[in-house]
Amino acid sequence: MNTLDRLTDLHPVSIVRVEAPAHAPEWHGWLEEIGFLPGEPVCVMARAPGGDPLVVRVGTSTFALRRSEAACVHVSADGVAA
């Protein structure tokens, strides 16, 4: 299992779980509220120069996430249609 911040760009995966860091427990609810839910397809579309933020597509929505936020999203390639 991997986290979203470590993915290769344009590599589709599925969300397994969201784990917020102790210093920002509100990130869990915020990420789930905008669509980062277990089972949802997700893909890093691009990265800003320097690698932060990331342009991420989850379901049919696209967001910019800081690398630290993307590190909260645990993903797996299991069950993802190519």
Protein backbone atom coordinates (compact mmCIF):
# COMPACT_ATOMS: atom_id res chain seq x y z
CA MET A 1 0.00 0.00 0.00
CA ASN A 2 1.15 3.51 -0.80
CA THR A 3 0.11 7.09 -0.16
CA LEU A 4 -1.09 9.55 -2.78
CA ASP A 5 1.97 11.81 -2.46
CA ARG A 6 4.28 8.94 -3.50
CA LEU A 7 2.44 7.95 -6.68
CA THR A 8 3.76 8.23 -10.18
CA ASP A 9 1.77 10.81 -12.14
CA LEU A 10 -1.12 9.47 -14.22
CA HIS A 11 -1.15 6.12 -12.38
CA PRO A 12 -4.78 5.30 -11.40
CA VAL A 13 -5.39 3.73 -8.00
CA SER A 14 -8.19 3.35 -5.44
CA ILE A 15 -8.43 5.01 -2.05
CA VAL A 16 -8.11 2.57 0.85
CA ARG A 17 -8.36 4.98 3.80
CA VAL A 18 -7.64 8.51 4.98
CA GLU A 19 -5.46 9.04 8.06
CA ALA A 20 -4.96 12.59 9.27
CA PRO A 21 -1.81 13.53 11.19
CA ALA A 22 -2.07 14.22 14.93
CA HIS A 23 -1.34 17.92 14.40
CA ALA A 24 -4.25 18.30 11.92
CA PRO A 25 -7.05 15.83 12.79
CA GLU A 26 -9.56 17.99 10.87
CA TRP A 27 -7.92 16.97 7.58
CA HIS A 28 -9.65 13.56 7.79
CA GLY A 29 -13.15 15.06 7.67
CA TRP A 30 -12.18 17.70 5.13
CA LEU A 31 -10.63 15.18 2.71
CA GLU A 32 -13.63 12.85 2.99
CA GLU A 33 -16.03 15.77 2.56
CA ILE A 34 -14.48 16.68 -0.81
CA GLY A 35 -14.58 13.09 -2.07
CA PHE A 36 -11.52 11.22 -0.78
CA LEU A 37 -13.49 8.15 0.29
CA PRO A 38 -12.52 4.47 0.40
CA GLY A 39 -13.05 2.81 -2.97
CA GLU A 40 -12.96 6.03 -5.01
CA PRO A 41 -10.61 6.11 -7.99
CA VAL A 42 -7.83 8.69 -7.68
CA CYS A 43 -4.89 9.81 -9.80
CA VAL A 44 -2.14 12.43 -9.53
CA MET A 45 -2.50 14.41 -12.75
CA ALA A 46 0.46 16.80 -12.36
CA ARG A 47 2.77 18.49 -9.87
CA ALA A 48 3.77 22.10 -9.53
CA PRO A 49 7.48 22.91 -9.95
CA GLY A 50 9.19 21.61 -6.83
CA GLY A 51 6.52 18.92 -6.41
CA ASP A 52 4.06 20.87 -4.26
CA PRO A 53 1.10 21.14 -4.66
CA LEU A 54 -0.20 18.14 -6.58
CA VAL A 55 -3.09 18.25 -9.03
CA VAL A 56 -5.27 15.27 -8.06
CA ARG A 57 -8.35 13.81 -9.70
CA VAL A 58 -10.72 11.91 -7.42
CA GLY A 59 -13.84 10.54 -9.05
CA THR A 60 -14.85 13.29 -11.48
CA SER A 61 -13.41 16.21 -9.47
CA THR A 62 -9.97 17.78 -9.62
CA PHE A 63 -8.21 19.40 -6.65
CA ALA A 64 -4.84 20.87 -5.74
CA LEU A 65 -3.51 19.20 -2.59
CA ARG A 66 -0.39 19.97 -0.65
CA ARG A 67 1.97 17.03 -0.48
CA SER A 68 1.36 16.78 3.28
CA GLU A 69 -2.40 16.44 2.66
CA ALA A 70 -1.89 13.87 -0.09
CA ALA A 71 0.25 11.83 2.33
CA CYS A 72 -2.91 11.22 4.39
CA VAL A 73 -4.58 9.32 1.55
CA HIS A 74 -3.63 5.62 1.50
CA VAL A 75 -4.12 3.99 -1.89
CA SER A 76 -3.89 0.64 -3.64
CA ALA A 77 -3.82 -0.47 -7.28
CA ASP A 78 -5.92 -3.54 -6.40
CA GLY A 79 -9.24 -3.53 -8.17
CA VAL A 80 -8.55 -0.51 -10.37
CA ALA A 81 -9.60 -0.86 -14.00
CA ALA A 82 -6.82 0.15 -16.38
